N, C-alpha and C. Protein backbone atom coordinates (compact mmCIF):
# COMPACT_ATOMS: atom_id res chain seq x y z
N MET A 1 86.89 112.26 131.92
CA MET A 1 85.51 112.72 131.87
C MET A 1 84.59 111.51 131.89
N HIS A 2 83.70 111.40 132.87
CA HIS A 2 82.82 110.26 132.99
C HIS A 2 81.38 110.70 132.79
N PRO A 3 80.64 110.11 131.85
CA PRO A 3 79.25 110.49 131.64
C PRO A 3 78.40 110.12 132.84
N ASN A 4 77.38 110.91 133.11
CA ASN A 4 76.49 110.62 134.22
C ASN A 4 75.59 109.45 133.87
N HIS A 5 75.44 108.51 134.78
CA HIS A 5 74.53 107.37 134.61
C HIS A 5 74.68 106.73 133.23
N PRO A 6 75.84 106.14 132.93
CA PRO A 6 76.08 105.68 131.56
C PRO A 6 75.13 104.61 131.07
N GLY A 7 74.48 103.89 131.97
CA GLY A 7 73.63 102.81 131.50
C GLY A 7 72.16 103.16 131.37
N ILE A 8 71.78 104.40 131.63
CA ILE A 8 70.35 104.74 131.72
C ILE A 8 69.77 105.21 130.39
N HIS A 9 70.49 106.06 129.68
CA HIS A 9 69.91 106.70 128.50
C HIS A 9 70.58 106.19 127.22
N ARG A 10 70.60 104.90 127.04
CA ARG A 10 71.30 104.32 125.89
C ARG A 10 70.66 104.71 124.56
N SER A 11 69.39 105.04 124.57
CA SER A 11 68.72 105.35 123.31
C SER A 11 69.02 106.76 122.82
N ARG A 12 69.62 107.58 123.65
CA ARG A 12 69.92 108.96 123.23
C ARG A 12 71.11 108.96 122.28
N ARG A 13 70.96 109.69 121.18
CA ARG A 13 72.07 109.82 120.24
C ARG A 13 72.91 111.02 120.63
N PRO A 14 74.24 110.87 120.64
CA PRO A 14 75.09 112.01 121.00
C PRO A 14 75.01 113.11 119.95
N ARG A 15 75.05 114.34 120.39
CA ARG A 15 75.15 115.45 119.45
C ARG A 15 76.59 115.55 118.97
N LEU A 16 76.77 116.14 117.81
CA LEU A 16 78.10 116.27 117.24
C LEU A 16 78.43 117.73 117.05
N ARG A 17 79.69 118.06 117.31
CA ARG A 17 80.12 119.43 117.09
C ARG A 17 81.33 119.43 116.18
N HIS A 18 81.49 120.52 115.45
CA HIS A 18 82.66 120.66 114.60
C HIS A 18 83.90 120.88 115.46
N ALA A 19 85.01 120.37 114.95
CA ALA A 19 86.27 120.57 115.66
C ALA A 19 87.05 121.73 115.05
N SER A 20 86.34 122.81 114.72
CA SER A 20 87.00 123.91 114.02
C SER A 20 87.84 124.75 114.96
N GLY A 21 88.79 125.49 114.38
CA GLY A 21 89.70 126.28 115.19
C GLY A 21 90.84 126.84 114.37
N PRO A 22 92.07 126.99 114.95
CA PRO A 22 93.15 127.72 114.32
C PRO A 22 93.73 127.17 113.02
N VAL A 23 94.54 127.97 112.43
CA VAL A 23 95.46 127.88 111.32
C VAL A 23 94.94 128.45 110.04
N VAL A 24 93.73 128.13 109.58
CA VAL A 24 93.17 128.92 108.49
C VAL A 24 92.43 130.07 109.15
N ARG A 25 92.62 131.27 108.66
CA ARG A 25 91.93 132.38 109.31
C ARG A 25 91.40 133.32 108.24
N GLU A 26 90.44 134.11 108.62
CA GLU A 26 89.83 135.00 107.65
C GLU A 26 89.74 136.41 108.20
N ARG A 27 89.69 137.38 107.28
CA ARG A 27 89.36 138.75 107.65
C ARG A 27 88.08 139.11 106.93
N CYS A 28 87.08 139.43 107.67
CA CYS A 28 85.78 139.75 107.07
C CYS A 28 85.85 141.15 106.45
N CYS A 29 85.71 141.20 105.15
CA CYS A 29 85.89 142.48 104.46
C CYS A 29 84.83 143.51 104.85
N SER A 30 83.67 143.05 105.30
CA SER A 30 82.62 144.00 105.65
C SER A 30 82.87 144.65 107.01
N SER A 31 83.83 144.09 107.76
CA SER A 31 84.15 144.64 109.08
C SER A 31 85.66 144.78 109.21
N PRO A 32 86.26 145.84 108.58
CA PRO A 32 87.71 145.96 108.52
C PRO A 32 88.38 146.00 109.89
N SER A 33 87.67 146.47 110.90
CA SER A 33 88.32 146.60 112.21
C SER A 33 88.33 145.29 112.99
N ARG A 34 87.65 144.31 112.47
CA ARG A 34 87.55 143.05 113.18
C ARG A 34 88.88 142.29 113.12
N SER A 35 89.31 141.73 114.24
CA SER A 35 90.54 140.96 114.26
C SER A 35 90.34 139.65 113.50
N PRO A 36 91.45 139.11 112.90
CA PRO A 36 91.31 137.83 112.21
C PRO A 36 90.85 136.74 113.17
N SER A 37 89.97 135.88 112.70
CA SER A 37 89.55 134.76 113.53
C SER A 37 90.14 133.47 112.98
N PHE A 38 90.62 132.63 113.87
CA PHE A 38 91.27 131.39 113.47
C PHE A 38 90.22 130.30 113.38
N LEU A 39 90.15 129.64 112.23
CA LEU A 39 89.01 128.78 111.96
C LEU A 39 89.33 127.30 111.83
N GLY A 40 90.50 126.89 111.42
CA GLY A 40 90.74 125.47 111.24
C GLY A 40 92.10 125.18 110.63
N TRP A 41 92.29 123.96 110.29
CA TRP A 41 93.57 123.48 109.78
C TRP A 41 93.40 123.10 108.33
N VAL A 42 94.48 123.20 107.54
CA VAL A 42 94.45 122.70 106.17
C VAL A 42 95.58 121.71 105.99
N CYS A 43 95.40 120.80 105.06
CA CYS A 43 96.39 119.76 104.78
C CYS A 43 96.82 119.89 103.33
N LEU A 44 98.12 120.17 103.09
CA LEU A 44 98.64 120.30 101.74
C LEU A 44 98.69 118.94 101.09
N LEU A 45 98.14 118.85 99.87
CA LEU A 45 98.06 117.57 99.18
C LEU A 45 98.75 117.63 97.84
N GLY A 46 99.22 116.48 97.36
CA GLY A 46 99.79 116.36 96.03
C GLY A 46 101.20 115.83 96.07
N GLY A 47 101.72 115.41 94.93
CA GLY A 47 103.10 114.94 94.84
C GLY A 47 104.06 116.10 94.95
N SER A 48 105.16 115.91 95.65
CA SER A 48 106.08 117.02 95.91
C SER A 48 106.69 117.57 94.63
N SER A 49 106.97 116.72 93.65
CA SER A 49 107.59 117.20 92.42
C SER A 49 106.64 118.08 91.63
N ARG A 50 105.35 117.71 91.60
CA ARG A 50 104.37 118.54 90.89
C ARG A 50 104.08 119.81 91.65
N ALA A 51 103.97 119.69 92.98
CA ALA A 51 103.56 120.84 93.79
C ALA A 51 104.61 121.95 93.74
N ALA A 52 105.88 121.58 93.56
CA ALA A 52 106.93 122.59 93.55
C ALA A 52 106.85 123.48 92.33
N ALA A 53 106.16 123.00 91.29
CA ALA A 53 106.13 123.75 90.03
C ALA A 53 104.84 124.52 89.81
N ARG A 54 103.90 124.37 90.69
CA ARG A 54 102.61 125.04 90.47
C ARG A 54 101.98 125.38 91.82
N ALA A 55 100.78 125.93 91.75
CA ALA A 55 100.08 126.25 92.99
C ALA A 55 99.77 124.96 93.74
N VAL A 56 99.72 125.07 95.06
CA VAL A 56 99.52 123.91 95.92
C VAL A 56 98.06 123.85 96.35
N GLN A 57 97.49 122.65 96.27
CA GLN A 57 96.12 122.46 96.72
C GLN A 57 96.13 122.08 98.20
N ALA A 58 95.24 122.68 98.95
CA ALA A 58 95.12 122.37 100.37
C ALA A 58 93.68 121.98 100.65
N GLN A 59 93.52 120.82 101.27
CA GLN A 59 92.18 120.33 101.58
C GLN A 59 91.82 120.72 103.01
N THR A 60 90.56 121.09 103.24
CA THR A 60 90.09 121.41 104.57
C THR A 60 88.60 121.10 104.64
N ASN A 61 87.99 121.41 105.76
CA ASN A 61 86.53 121.23 105.89
C ASN A 61 85.80 122.42 105.29
N ASN A 62 84.65 122.17 104.69
CA ASN A 62 83.83 123.26 104.16
C ASN A 62 83.41 124.21 105.28
N HIS A 63 83.10 123.67 106.47
CA HIS A 63 82.65 124.55 107.54
C HIS A 63 83.76 125.46 108.06
N VAL A 64 85.01 125.15 107.72
CA VAL A 64 86.12 126.01 108.12
C VAL A 64 86.15 127.30 107.29
N VAL A 65 85.83 127.19 106.01
CA VAL A 65 85.96 128.35 105.11
C VAL A 65 84.63 128.89 104.62
N SER A 66 83.53 128.22 104.94
CA SER A 66 82.24 128.63 104.42
C SER A 66 81.89 130.06 104.81
N GLY A 67 81.55 130.88 103.81
CA GLY A 67 81.13 132.25 104.05
C GLY A 67 82.26 133.24 104.23
N GLU A 68 83.50 132.76 104.19
CA GLU A 68 84.63 133.68 104.40
C GLU A 68 85.01 134.37 103.09
N GLN A 69 85.34 135.64 103.18
CA GLN A 69 85.67 136.42 101.99
C GLN A 69 87.17 136.47 101.74
N THR A 70 87.95 136.40 102.79
CA THR A 70 89.40 136.40 102.65
C THR A 70 89.96 135.28 103.52
N ILE A 71 90.85 134.48 102.95
CA ILE A 71 91.41 133.34 103.67
C ILE A 71 92.93 133.46 103.69
N GLU A 72 93.51 133.31 104.86
CA GLU A 72 94.96 133.26 105.01
C GLU A 72 95.35 131.92 105.58
N VAL A 73 96.44 131.37 105.07
CA VAL A 73 96.99 130.12 105.60
C VAL A 73 98.27 130.46 106.34
N VAL A 74 98.34 130.06 107.61
CA VAL A 74 99.52 130.30 108.43
C VAL A 74 100.43 129.08 108.31
N LEU A 75 101.66 129.28 107.85
CA LEU A 75 102.60 128.18 107.65
C LEU A 75 103.30 127.83 108.97
N ALA A 76 104.01 126.70 108.94
CA ALA A 76 104.67 126.22 110.15
C ALA A 76 105.72 127.21 110.66
N ASN A 77 106.31 128.01 109.76
CA ASN A 77 107.32 128.98 110.19
C ASN A 77 106.72 130.29 110.68
N GLY A 78 105.40 130.34 110.74
CA GLY A 78 104.72 131.53 111.25
C GLY A 78 104.32 132.53 110.18
N SER A 79 104.81 132.37 108.96
CA SER A 79 104.45 133.30 107.89
C SER A 79 103.05 132.98 107.38
N THR A 80 102.45 133.94 106.70
CA THR A 80 101.10 133.76 106.19
C THR A 80 101.09 133.86 104.67
N GLU A 81 100.18 133.13 104.07
CA GLU A 81 99.98 133.16 102.63
C GLU A 81 98.50 133.39 102.34
N GLN A 82 98.23 134.25 101.37
CA GLN A 82 96.86 134.42 100.93
C GLN A 82 96.43 133.15 100.18
N ALA A 83 95.23 132.69 100.45
CA ALA A 83 94.73 131.48 99.82
C ALA A 83 93.51 131.79 98.98
N GLN A 84 93.36 131.08 97.90
CA GLN A 84 92.20 131.22 97.02
C GLN A 84 91.31 129.99 97.20
N LEU A 85 90.02 130.23 97.38
CA LEU A 85 89.08 129.12 97.48
C LEU A 85 88.84 128.56 96.09
N VAL A 86 89.21 127.30 95.88
CA VAL A 86 89.06 126.65 94.58
C VAL A 86 87.64 126.14 94.41
N GLY A 87 87.11 125.51 95.44
CA GLY A 87 85.76 124.98 95.36
C GLY A 87 85.40 124.25 96.63
N THR A 88 84.12 123.95 96.78
CA THR A 88 83.64 123.26 97.97
C THR A 88 82.71 122.12 97.59
N ALA A 89 82.57 121.20 98.52
CA ALA A 89 81.58 120.13 98.40
C ALA A 89 80.85 120.09 99.74
N ALA A 90 79.83 120.94 99.85
CA ALA A 90 79.13 121.10 101.12
C ALA A 90 78.52 119.79 101.60
N ALA A 91 78.09 118.94 100.66
CA ALA A 91 77.45 117.69 101.03
C ALA A 91 78.41 116.74 101.74
N ASP A 92 79.72 116.94 101.50
CA ASP A 92 80.74 116.11 102.14
C ASP A 92 81.56 116.89 103.16
N ASP A 93 81.20 118.15 103.39
CA ASP A 93 81.92 119.04 104.30
C ASP A 93 83.40 119.10 103.96
N LEU A 94 83.69 119.29 102.67
CA LEU A 94 85.07 119.39 102.22
C LEU A 94 85.24 120.63 101.35
N ALA A 95 86.44 121.17 101.35
CA ALA A 95 86.76 122.33 100.52
C ALA A 95 88.22 122.25 100.11
N VAL A 96 88.53 122.93 99.01
CA VAL A 96 89.91 123.00 98.52
C VAL A 96 90.29 124.46 98.39
N VAL A 97 91.43 124.81 98.96
CA VAL A 97 92.00 126.15 98.77
C VAL A 97 93.35 126.01 98.10
N ARG A 98 93.83 127.09 97.50
CA ARG A 98 95.08 127.05 96.74
C ARG A 98 96.02 128.13 97.25
N ILE A 99 97.27 127.75 97.45
CA ILE A 99 98.30 128.73 97.80
C ILE A 99 99.48 128.54 96.86
N GLN A 100 100.38 129.51 96.82
CA GLN A 100 101.56 129.42 95.99
C GLN A 100 102.62 128.55 96.67
N PRO A 101 103.45 127.85 95.87
CA PRO A 101 104.51 127.02 96.46
C PRO A 101 105.46 127.86 97.30
N PHE A 102 106.07 127.25 98.30
CA PHE A 102 107.02 127.94 99.15
C PHE A 102 108.21 127.03 99.42
N ALA A 103 109.28 127.61 99.93
CA ALA A 103 110.53 126.86 100.13
C ALA A 103 110.35 125.76 101.16
N HIS A 104 111.01 124.64 100.94
CA HIS A 104 111.02 123.51 101.87
C HIS A 104 109.61 123.01 102.17
N MET A 105 108.78 123.02 101.16
CA MET A 105 107.40 122.62 101.31
C MET A 105 107.29 121.09 101.40
N THR A 106 106.48 120.63 102.31
CA THR A 106 106.20 119.20 102.44
C THR A 106 104.70 118.99 102.28
N VAL A 107 104.34 118.07 101.43
CA VAL A 107 102.92 117.81 101.20
C VAL A 107 102.55 116.43 101.72
N ALA A 108 101.29 116.24 102.02
CA ALA A 108 100.82 114.97 102.57
C ALA A 108 100.61 113.96 101.45
N GLN A 109 100.96 112.73 101.73
CA GLN A 109 100.67 111.62 100.82
C GLN A 109 99.37 110.96 101.29
N ILE A 110 98.47 110.71 100.36
CA ILE A 110 97.17 110.17 100.71
C ILE A 110 97.23 108.64 100.77
N GLY A 111 96.83 108.09 101.91
CA GLY A 111 96.77 106.65 102.07
C GLY A 111 95.42 106.09 101.65
N ASP A 112 95.30 104.79 101.72
CA ASP A 112 94.08 104.08 101.31
C ASP A 112 93.26 103.77 102.56
N SER A 113 92.19 104.52 102.77
CA SER A 113 91.38 104.34 103.97
C SER A 113 90.61 103.02 103.96
N SER A 114 90.45 102.40 102.80
CA SER A 114 89.75 101.12 102.75
C SER A 114 90.56 100.00 103.38
N ARG A 115 91.83 100.24 103.63
CA ARG A 115 92.69 99.22 104.22
C ARG A 115 92.83 99.36 105.73
N LEU A 116 92.12 100.33 106.30
CA LEU A 116 92.17 100.51 107.75
C LEU A 116 91.50 99.34 108.46
N ILE A 117 91.98 99.05 109.65
CA ILE A 117 91.35 98.02 110.48
C ILE A 117 91.12 98.60 111.87
N VAL A 118 90.08 98.11 112.53
CA VAL A 118 89.79 98.55 113.89
C VAL A 118 90.94 98.15 114.80
N GLY A 119 91.37 99.09 115.62
CA GLY A 119 92.49 98.85 116.52
C GLY A 119 93.81 99.40 116.00
N GLN A 120 93.84 99.81 114.73
CA GLN A 120 95.05 100.37 114.13
C GLN A 120 95.39 101.70 114.76
N GLU A 121 96.68 101.94 115.02
CA GLU A 121 97.10 103.19 115.64
C GLU A 121 97.09 104.33 114.63
N VAL A 122 96.65 105.49 115.09
CA VAL A 122 96.59 106.68 114.25
C VAL A 122 97.00 107.90 115.06
N LEU A 123 97.32 108.98 114.36
CA LEU A 123 97.64 110.26 114.98
C LEU A 123 96.73 111.34 114.39
N ALA A 124 96.19 112.20 115.24
CA ALA A 124 95.43 113.37 114.78
C ALA A 124 96.32 114.60 114.94
N ILE A 125 96.50 115.33 113.83
CA ILE A 125 97.40 116.48 113.82
C ILE A 125 96.60 117.74 113.54
N GLY A 126 96.82 118.77 114.35
CA GLY A 126 96.11 120.03 114.17
C GLY A 126 96.56 121.06 115.17
N ASN A 127 95.70 122.01 115.45
CA ASN A 127 95.97 123.09 116.40
C ASN A 127 94.87 123.13 117.45
N PRO A 128 94.73 122.09 118.25
CA PRO A 128 93.63 122.08 119.22
C PRO A 128 93.74 123.22 120.21
N LEU A 129 92.63 123.96 120.36
CA LEU A 129 92.54 125.07 121.31
C LEU A 129 93.63 126.11 121.07
N GLY A 130 94.10 126.21 119.82
CA GLY A 130 95.10 127.20 119.48
C GLY A 130 96.53 126.79 119.77
N ILE A 131 96.74 125.56 120.23
CA ILE A 131 98.09 125.06 120.50
C ILE A 131 98.62 124.46 119.20
N THR A 132 99.54 125.16 118.56
CA THR A 132 99.91 124.82 117.19
C THR A 132 100.70 123.53 117.09
N GLU A 133 100.53 122.88 115.93
CA GLU A 133 101.30 121.69 115.54
C GLU A 133 101.27 120.61 116.62
N THR A 134 100.08 120.23 117.01
CA THR A 134 99.89 119.22 118.06
C THR A 134 99.47 117.90 117.45
N ALA A 135 100.06 116.81 117.95
CA ALA A 135 99.67 115.46 117.53
C ALA A 135 99.12 114.72 118.75
N THR A 136 97.99 114.05 118.56
CA THR A 136 97.43 113.20 119.61
C THR A 136 97.32 111.79 119.07
N GLN A 137 97.52 110.82 119.92
CA GLN A 137 97.56 109.42 119.49
C GLN A 137 96.30 108.68 119.89
N GLY A 138 95.88 107.76 119.05
CA GLY A 138 94.73 106.92 119.37
C GLY A 138 94.68 105.74 118.43
N ILE A 139 93.51 105.14 118.34
CA ILE A 139 93.31 104.02 117.44
C ILE A 139 92.08 104.27 116.58
N VAL A 140 91.92 103.46 115.55
CA VAL A 140 90.67 103.43 114.81
C VAL A 140 89.68 102.65 115.67
N SER A 141 88.67 103.33 116.17
CA SER A 141 87.71 102.69 117.07
C SER A 141 86.63 101.93 116.31
N ALA A 142 86.24 102.45 115.15
CA ALA A 142 85.20 101.82 114.34
C ALA A 142 85.29 102.40 112.93
N LEU A 143 84.69 101.70 111.98
CA LEU A 143 84.73 102.11 110.58
C LEU A 143 83.31 102.17 110.02
N ASN A 144 83.18 102.91 108.92
CA ASN A 144 81.92 102.96 108.17
C ASN A 144 80.75 103.46 109.01
N LYS A 145 81.02 104.48 109.82
CA LYS A 145 79.97 105.09 110.62
C LYS A 145 79.27 106.18 109.80
N SER A 146 77.97 106.33 110.01
CA SER A 146 77.22 107.41 109.40
C SER A 146 76.88 108.42 110.48
N VAL A 147 77.42 109.64 110.34
CA VAL A 147 77.22 110.67 111.36
C VAL A 147 76.66 111.92 110.71
N THR A 148 75.78 112.60 111.43
CA THR A 148 75.15 113.81 110.91
C THR A 148 75.57 115.01 111.72
N GLU A 149 76.05 116.04 111.01
CA GLU A 149 76.49 117.27 111.66
C GLU A 149 75.27 118.10 112.09
N SER A 150 75.54 119.10 112.91
CA SER A 150 74.46 119.99 113.36
C SER A 150 73.85 120.76 112.19
N THR A 151 74.61 120.90 111.09
CA THR A 151 74.11 121.60 109.91
C THR A 151 73.21 120.72 109.06
N GLY A 152 73.15 119.43 109.39
CA GLY A 152 72.36 118.49 108.62
C GLY A 152 73.16 117.68 107.63
N THR A 153 74.43 118.02 107.44
CA THR A 153 75.29 117.26 106.54
C THR A 153 75.59 115.89 107.13
N THR A 154 75.39 114.85 106.35
CA THR A 154 75.67 113.50 106.80
C THR A 154 76.94 112.98 106.15
N ILE A 155 77.85 112.49 106.96
CA ILE A 155 79.10 111.92 106.48
C ILE A 155 78.99 110.41 106.57
N SER A 156 79.05 109.76 105.42
CA SER A 156 78.97 108.31 105.38
C SER A 156 80.37 107.70 105.45
N ASN A 157 80.45 106.50 105.96
CA ASN A 157 81.71 105.76 106.03
C ASN A 157 82.77 106.49 106.85
N ALA A 158 82.32 107.25 107.84
CA ALA A 158 83.27 108.01 108.67
C ALA A 158 84.12 107.06 109.51
N ILE A 159 85.33 107.53 109.82
CA ILE A 159 86.26 106.80 110.69
C ILE A 159 86.04 107.30 112.12
N GLN A 160 85.76 106.41 113.04
CA GLN A 160 85.66 106.79 114.44
C GLN A 160 87.01 106.54 115.11
N THR A 161 87.46 107.50 115.91
CA THR A 161 88.74 107.37 116.59
C THR A 161 88.65 107.89 118.01
N ASP A 162 89.54 107.36 118.86
CA ASP A 162 89.60 107.88 120.23
C ASP A 162 90.76 108.85 120.40
N ALA A 163 91.48 109.16 119.30
CA ALA A 163 92.50 110.21 119.38
C ALA A 163 91.83 111.52 119.75
N ALA A 164 92.42 112.27 120.65
CA ALA A 164 91.81 113.51 121.12
C ALA A 164 91.65 114.49 119.96
N VAL A 165 90.41 114.96 119.76
CA VAL A 165 90.08 115.95 118.73
C VAL A 165 89.33 117.08 119.41
N ASN A 166 89.82 118.30 119.24
CA ASN A 166 89.25 119.47 119.90
C ASN A 166 89.08 120.59 118.89
N PRO A 167 88.41 121.70 119.29
CA PRO A 167 88.37 122.86 118.41
C PRO A 167 89.77 123.24 117.95
N GLY A 168 89.96 123.29 116.64
CA GLY A 168 91.28 123.54 116.08
C GLY A 168 91.77 122.37 115.25
N ASN A 169 91.13 121.22 115.37
CA ASN A 169 91.53 120.04 114.60
C ASN A 169 90.80 119.92 113.27
N SER A 170 89.71 120.65 113.09
CA SER A 170 88.95 120.53 111.84
C SER A 170 89.82 120.78 110.63
N GLY A 171 89.64 119.93 109.61
CA GLY A 171 90.38 120.10 108.37
C GLY A 171 91.81 119.64 108.45
N GLY A 172 92.21 119.09 109.60
CA GLY A 172 93.58 118.64 109.77
C GLY A 172 93.80 117.25 109.23
N ALA A 173 94.72 116.55 109.84
CA ALA A 173 95.11 115.24 109.32
C ALA A 173 94.95 114.16 110.36
N LEU A 174 94.33 113.07 109.95
CA LEU A 174 94.39 111.82 110.69
C LEU A 174 95.32 110.94 109.88
N VAL A 175 96.45 110.55 110.46
CA VAL A 175 97.47 109.83 109.70
C VAL A 175 97.75 108.47 110.34
N ASN A 176 98.24 107.55 109.51
CA ASN A 176 98.70 106.27 110.02
C ASN A 176 100.16 106.40 110.46
N LEU A 177 100.75 105.33 110.95
CA LEU A 177 102.11 105.42 111.47
C LEU A 177 103.15 105.51 110.37
N GLN A 178 102.72 105.42 109.12
CA GLN A 178 103.62 105.66 107.99
C GLN A 178 103.55 107.12 107.54
N GLY A 179 102.74 107.92 108.23
CA GLY A 179 102.63 109.34 107.92
C GLY A 179 101.69 109.64 106.78
N GLN A 180 100.91 108.67 106.34
CA GLN A 180 99.98 108.89 105.24
C GLN A 180 98.65 109.41 105.76
N LEU A 181 98.06 110.35 105.02
CA LEU A 181 96.75 110.88 105.37
C LEU A 181 95.70 109.81 105.15
N ILE A 182 94.97 109.45 106.20
CA ILE A 182 93.91 108.45 106.03
C ILE A 182 92.54 109.02 106.42
N GLY A 183 92.51 110.27 106.86
CA GLY A 183 91.24 110.90 107.17
C GLY A 183 91.41 112.36 107.55
N ILE A 184 90.30 113.10 107.55
CA ILE A 184 90.30 114.50 107.97
C ILE A 184 89.38 114.65 109.18
N PRO A 185 89.93 114.89 110.37
CA PRO A 185 89.09 115.05 111.56
C PRO A 185 88.07 116.16 111.37
N THR A 186 86.83 115.86 111.75
CA THR A 186 85.74 116.80 111.46
C THR A 186 84.80 117.01 112.63
N LEU A 187 84.45 115.95 113.34
CA LEU A 187 83.40 116.02 114.35
C LEU A 187 83.82 115.37 115.65
N THR A 188 83.30 115.92 116.74
CA THR A 188 83.43 115.33 118.06
C THR A 188 82.04 115.11 118.63
N ALA A 189 81.79 113.94 119.19
CA ALA A 189 80.48 113.67 119.79
C ALA A 189 80.33 114.46 121.08
N MET A 190 79.11 114.88 121.37
CA MET A 190 78.80 115.62 122.59
C MET A 190 77.96 114.77 123.52
N ASN A 191 78.30 114.80 124.79
CA ASN A 191 77.49 114.14 125.82
C ASN A 191 76.26 115.01 126.06
N THR A 192 75.09 114.51 125.73
CA THR A 192 73.88 115.33 125.80
C THR A 192 73.45 115.62 127.24
N GLU A 193 73.93 114.85 128.20
CA GLU A 193 73.56 115.08 129.59
C GLU A 193 74.38 116.20 130.22
N SER A 194 75.69 116.20 129.93
CA SER A 194 76.56 117.22 130.52
C SER A 194 76.84 118.37 129.57
N ASN A 195 76.41 118.23 128.29
CA ASN A 195 76.67 119.23 127.26
C ASN A 195 78.16 119.51 127.12
N THR A 196 78.95 118.48 127.24
CA THR A 196 80.40 118.57 127.07
C THR A 196 80.83 117.55 126.02
N ALA A 197 82.04 117.74 125.51
CA ALA A 197 82.55 116.81 124.51
C ALA A 197 82.71 115.42 125.11
N ALA A 198 82.25 114.41 124.38
CA ALA A 198 82.42 113.04 124.82
C ALA A 198 83.89 112.67 124.78
N ASN A 199 84.30 111.86 125.71
CA ASN A 199 85.71 111.48 125.81
C ASN A 199 86.04 110.37 124.82
N GLY A 200 86.90 110.68 123.84
CA GLY A 200 87.39 109.66 122.94
C GLY A 200 86.42 109.19 121.88
N VAL A 201 85.49 110.07 121.46
CA VAL A 201 84.54 109.71 120.40
C VAL A 201 84.55 110.83 119.35
N SER A 202 85.38 110.67 118.35
CA SER A 202 85.48 111.66 117.29
C SER A 202 85.43 110.96 115.94
N PHE A 203 85.18 111.75 114.89
CA PHE A 203 84.98 111.17 113.56
C PHE A 203 85.79 111.94 112.52
N ALA A 204 86.27 111.20 111.52
CA ALA A 204 87.05 111.78 110.44
C ALA A 204 86.48 111.33 109.10
N ILE A 205 86.59 112.21 108.10
CA ILE A 205 86.20 111.87 106.74
C ILE A 205 87.29 110.99 106.14
N PRO A 206 86.96 109.81 105.60
CA PRO A 206 87.99 108.90 105.10
C PRO A 206 88.74 109.46 103.89
N SER A 207 90.02 109.11 103.79
CA SER A 207 90.88 109.68 102.75
C SER A 207 90.43 109.32 101.34
N ASN A 208 89.83 108.16 101.15
CA ASN A 208 89.38 107.80 99.81
C ASN A 208 88.28 108.74 99.32
N LEU A 209 87.40 109.16 100.23
CA LEU A 209 86.39 110.15 99.87
C LEU A 209 87.04 111.51 99.65
N VAL A 210 88.00 111.86 100.48
CA VAL A 210 88.72 113.13 100.33
C VAL A 210 89.36 113.21 98.95
N GLU A 211 90.02 112.14 98.53
CA GLU A 211 90.71 112.13 97.23
C GLU A 211 89.71 112.24 96.09
N THR A 212 88.59 111.54 96.20
CA THR A 212 87.57 111.61 95.15
C THR A 212 86.99 113.01 95.03
N VAL A 213 86.66 113.61 96.16
CA VAL A 213 86.08 114.95 96.15
C VAL A 213 87.10 115.97 95.65
N LEU A 214 88.37 115.80 96.05
CA LEU A 214 89.43 116.70 95.58
C LEU A 214 89.48 116.72 94.06
N GLN A 215 89.48 115.56 93.45
CA GLN A 215 89.54 115.49 91.98
C GLN A 215 88.30 116.09 91.35
N GLN A 216 87.14 115.86 91.95
CA GLN A 216 85.90 116.44 91.41
C GLN A 216 85.93 117.96 91.44
N ILE A 217 86.42 118.51 92.54
CA ILE A 217 86.48 119.97 92.67
C ILE A 217 87.47 120.56 91.67
N LEU A 218 88.62 119.90 91.50
CA LEU A 218 89.64 120.42 90.60
C LEU A 218 89.21 120.33 89.13
N GLN A 219 88.28 119.43 88.83
CA GLN A 219 87.82 119.28 87.45
C GLN A 219 86.65 120.18 87.11
N GLN A 220 86.12 120.90 88.09
CA GLN A 220 84.98 121.79 87.85
C GLN A 220 85.41 123.00 87.03
């Protein structure tokens, strides 16, 4: 995808869109006949020994679950679990949902996003365009970016990456090559001239902020 006249409108700021899509889904109780809509991805967090003995916390984007009355989490084996919304942090576009432990459960280990360097290889994991369990490869393109969503929410210290991020990646995982969660993909820049997604310009919420917000929500 090549932007039209790339050197002419340098002062224009790209619009940003959410990368929301499959894996977390909701049924709107006010419209029982409505089919479930797939809204985004969740990332199971916590130590495996603790998680096996209690309910599991799953982190996702606030815009994935905002306004939903019933939330279902679709597991890798295709089964579904009812999820409870624990709390949200709209200012950071983050939310925590809770599900019951299940057999052969694997949870994400949170890495230290402050140790990221530009050029470091990363993987974005999610369900882009409904294609389940997809990983795309890229690098950390830039660090400490301030980006504002269409809703007005500003994400500070965002990670910019050129790993492909599409609808369905929201709330998923940006991981390093050690498999540690270092960010949550949230936004894709839009080319304002063609009104299409910019090629290789996406942003993730850094894992250190995710961990801080997770603890704040759980302590409420």
